[in-house]
Amino acid sequence: MKRLRIVLPIMIIVAFLALWFLAKDYATIPLNTRILIALGGSLLSGVISYFLLRSEVDQIDPKPTDKKN
């Protein structure tokens, strides 16, 4: 559930930027095609970020307790 807090804003930002870039540079492409491209990019970025941002708490070494001078 913690990962979804980060994944959803990433997906929204990617969709917004994709629509903006497509409207700015490729205005001849129909709107429904631009929306499909932006949704595909948003879903792909969401899946990638979901798997790359997983927490690996059990693989972290514990903090050392002895002090060395």
N, C-alpha and C. Protein backbone atom coordinates (compact mmCIF):
# COMPACT_ATOMS: atom_id res chain seq x y z
N MET A 1 0.82 -1.18 0.00
CA MET A 1 0.00 0.00 0.00
C MET A 1 0.87 1.25 0.00
N LYS A 2 2.05 1.16 0.62
CA LYS A 2 2.94 2.32 0.64
C LYS A 2 3.44 2.67 -0.75
N ARG A 3 3.65 1.63 -1.57
CA ARG A 3 4.17 1.88 -2.92
C ARG A 3 3.17 2.61 -3.78
N LEU A 4 1.88 2.38 -3.55
CA LEU A 4 0.87 3.03 -4.37
C LEU A 4 0.83 4.53 -4.15
N ARG A 5 1.27 4.99 -2.98
CA ARG A 5 1.33 6.43 -2.73
C ARG A 5 2.34 7.11 -3.64
N ILE A 6 3.33 6.39 -4.08
CA ILE A 6 4.35 6.94 -4.96
C ILE A 6 4.03 6.63 -6.41
N VAL A 7 3.48 5.46 -6.67
CA VAL A 7 3.21 5.02 -8.04
C VAL A 7 2.12 5.86 -8.69
N LEU A 8 1.05 6.14 -7.98
CA LEU A 8 -0.06 6.90 -8.57
C LEU A 8 0.35 8.32 -9.00
N PRO A 9 1.07 9.09 -8.18
CA PRO A 9 1.51 10.40 -8.67
C PRO A 9 2.45 10.30 -9.87
N ILE A 10 3.30 9.28 -9.89
CA ILE A 10 4.18 9.09 -11.05
C ILE A 10 3.35 8.86 -12.30
N MET A 11 2.33 8.03 -12.19
CA MET A 11 1.48 7.75 -13.35
C MET A 11 0.73 8.99 -13.82
N ILE A 12 0.25 9.80 -12.88
CA ILE A 12 -0.47 11.02 -13.24
C ILE A 12 0.46 12.02 -13.92
N ILE A 13 1.67 12.17 -13.39
CA ILE A 13 2.63 13.10 -13.98
C ILE A 13 3.03 12.65 -15.37
N VAL A 14 3.26 11.35 -15.55
CA VAL A 14 3.63 10.84 -16.87
C VAL A 14 2.49 11.05 -17.87
N ALA A 15 1.26 10.79 -17.46
CA ALA A 15 0.11 10.98 -18.36
C ALA A 15 -0.03 12.45 -18.75
N PHE A 16 0.10 13.33 -17.77
CA PHE A 16 -0.02 14.77 -18.05
C PHE A 16 1.08 15.24 -19.00
N LEU A 17 2.32 14.86 -18.72
CA LEU A 17 3.43 15.27 -19.58
C LEU A 17 3.34 14.67 -20.98
N ALA A 18 2.89 13.42 -21.07
CA ALA A 18 2.74 12.79 -22.38
C ALA A 18 1.67 13.50 -23.21
N LEU A 19 0.55 13.82 -22.58
CA LEU A 19 -0.49 14.55 -23.31
C LEU A 19 -0.01 15.93 -23.74
N TRP A 20 0.73 16.58 -22.88
CA TRP A 20 1.24 17.91 -23.20
C TRP A 20 2.24 17.86 -24.36
N PHE A 21 3.19 16.94 -24.29
CA PHE A 21 4.17 16.83 -25.36
C PHE A 21 3.52 16.42 -26.69
N LEU A 22 2.58 15.50 -26.63
CA LEU A 22 1.91 15.07 -27.85
C LEU A 22 1.07 16.20 -28.45
N ALA A 23 0.42 16.98 -27.61
CA ALA A 23 -0.38 18.10 -28.12
C ALA A 23 0.51 19.19 -28.69
N LYS A 24 1.68 19.38 -28.10
CA LYS A 24 2.58 20.44 -28.56
C LYS A 24 3.28 20.06 -29.85
N ASP A 25 3.79 18.86 -29.94
CA ASP A 25 4.62 18.48 -31.08
C ASP A 25 3.88 17.69 -32.15
N TYR A 26 2.85 16.96 -31.78
CA TYR A 26 2.15 16.08 -32.73
C TYR A 26 0.65 16.39 -32.71
N ALA A 27 0.30 17.59 -33.05
CA ALA A 27 -1.09 18.02 -33.01
C ALA A 27 -1.92 17.37 -34.12
N THR A 28 -1.27 16.82 -35.13
CA THR A 28 -2.01 16.20 -36.23
C THR A 28 -2.55 14.82 -35.87
N ILE A 29 -2.04 14.22 -34.81
CA ILE A 29 -2.54 12.93 -34.35
C ILE A 29 -3.89 13.16 -33.68
N PRO A 30 -4.88 12.33 -33.99
CA PRO A 30 -6.20 12.51 -33.36
C PRO A 30 -6.13 12.42 -31.83
N LEU A 31 -7.06 13.11 -31.17
CA LEU A 31 -7.05 13.20 -29.72
C LEU A 31 -7.18 11.83 -29.05
N ASN A 32 -8.05 10.98 -29.58
CA ASN A 32 -8.22 9.68 -28.92
C ASN A 32 -6.96 8.82 -29.02
N THR A 33 -6.20 8.97 -30.09
CA THR A 33 -4.94 8.24 -30.21
C THR A 33 -3.91 8.80 -29.23
N ARG A 34 -3.87 10.12 -29.08
CA ARG A 34 -2.95 10.72 -28.10
C ARG A 34 -3.28 10.28 -26.69
N ILE A 35 -4.56 10.17 -26.37
CA ILE A 35 -4.96 9.72 -25.04
C ILE A 35 -4.55 8.27 -24.81
N LEU A 36 -4.71 7.44 -25.83
CA LEU A 36 -4.30 6.03 -25.69
C LEU A 36 -2.78 5.91 -25.51
N ILE A 37 -2.02 6.71 -26.24
CA ILE A 37 -0.56 6.69 -26.08
C ILE A 37 -0.17 7.13 -24.67
N ALA A 38 -0.81 8.19 -24.17
CA ALA A 38 -0.51 8.68 -22.83
C ALA A 38 -0.90 7.67 -21.76
N LEU A 39 -2.04 7.01 -21.93
CA LEU A 39 -2.46 5.99 -20.96
C LEU A 39 -1.52 4.79 -20.97
N GLY A 40 -1.08 4.39 -22.15
CA GLY A 40 -0.13 3.28 -22.24
C GLY A 40 1.20 3.60 -21.56
N GLY A 41 1.69 4.81 -21.80
CA GLY A 41 2.93 5.23 -21.15
C GLY A 41 2.77 5.35 -19.65
N SER A 42 1.62 5.83 -19.23
CA SER A 42 1.36 5.96 -17.80
C SER A 42 1.29 4.60 -17.12
N LEU A 43 0.60 3.65 -17.74
CA LEU A 43 0.52 2.30 -17.16
C LEU A 43 1.89 1.62 -17.13
N LEU A 44 2.65 1.78 -18.20
CA LEU A 44 3.99 1.18 -18.24
C LEU A 44 4.89 1.78 -17.16
N SER A 45 4.85 3.09 -17.00
CA SER A 45 5.68 3.71 -15.96
C SER A 45 5.21 3.31 -14.56
N GLY A 46 3.91 3.12 -14.39
CA GLY A 46 3.39 2.67 -13.10
C GLY A 46 3.85 1.27 -12.75
N VAL A 47 3.82 0.36 -13.73
CA VAL A 47 4.27 -1.02 -13.48
C VAL A 47 5.76 -1.05 -13.18
N ILE A 48 6.54 -0.31 -13.95
CA ILE A 48 7.99 -0.28 -13.73
C ILE A 48 8.31 0.30 -12.37
N SER A 49 7.68 1.42 -12.01
CA SER A 49 7.98 2.03 -10.71
C SER A 49 7.47 1.17 -9.55
N TYR A 50 6.38 0.43 -9.75
CA TYR A 50 5.87 -0.44 -8.70
C TYR A 50 6.89 -1.52 -8.34
N PHE A 51 7.51 -2.11 -9.34
CA PHE A 51 8.47 -3.17 -9.07
C PHE A 51 9.84 -2.63 -8.66
N LEU A 52 10.22 -1.46 -9.14
CA LEU A 52 11.53 -0.93 -8.78
C LEU A 52 11.56 -0.25 -7.42
N LEU A 53 10.42 0.19 -6.91
CA LEU A 53 10.39 0.90 -5.64
C LEU A 53 9.97 0.02 -4.47
N ARG A 54 10.12 -1.28 -4.61
CA ARG A 54 9.74 -2.15 -3.50
C ARG A 54 10.73 -2.00 -2.36
N SER A 55 10.24 -2.17 -1.15
CA SER A 55 11.11 -2.03 0.01
C SER A 55 11.74 -3.38 0.32
N GLU A 56 12.99 -3.37 0.57
CA GLU A 56 13.73 -4.58 0.88
C GLU A 56 14.27 -4.47 2.30
N VAL A 57 13.35 -4.39 3.25
CA VAL A 57 13.71 -4.19 4.65
C VAL A 57 14.47 -5.38 5.20
N ASP A 58 14.11 -6.57 4.80
CA ASP A 58 14.76 -7.75 5.36
C ASP A 58 16.18 -7.95 4.81
N GLN A 59 16.56 -7.24 3.77
CA GLN A 59 17.89 -7.39 3.18
C GLN A 59 18.87 -6.31 3.65
N ILE A 60 18.44 -5.43 4.52
CA ILE A 60 19.30 -4.35 5.01
C ILE A 60 20.07 -4.85 6.22
N ASP A 61 21.37 -4.58 6.25
CA ASP A 61 22.19 -4.97 7.39
C ASP A 61 21.79 -4.15 8.62
N PRO A 62 21.84 -4.76 9.81
CA PRO A 62 21.51 -4.00 11.02
C PRO A 62 22.60 -2.97 11.32
N LYS A 63 22.19 -1.95 12.03
CA LYS A 63 23.13 -0.89 12.41
C LYS A 63 24.11 -1.43 13.43
N PRO A 64 25.42 -1.14 13.24
CA PRO A 64 26.41 -1.64 14.21
C PRO A 64 26.23 -0.97 15.57
N THR A 65 26.46 -1.75 16.62
CA THR A 65 26.24 -1.24 17.97
C THR A 65 27.55 -0.89 18.68
N ASP A 66 28.66 -1.49 18.28
CA ASP A 66 29.94 -1.20 18.96
C ASP A 66 30.56 0.06 18.37
N LYS A 67 31.19 0.85 19.24
CA LYS A 67 31.83 2.09 18.80
C LYS A 67 33.33 1.88 18.70
N LYS A 68 33.89 2.28 17.61
CA LYS A 68 35.34 2.19 17.43
C LYS A 68 35.93 3.58 17.43
N ASN A 69 37.06 3.74 18.10
CA ASN A 69 37.72 5.06 18.17
C ASN A 69 38.72 5.22 17.08
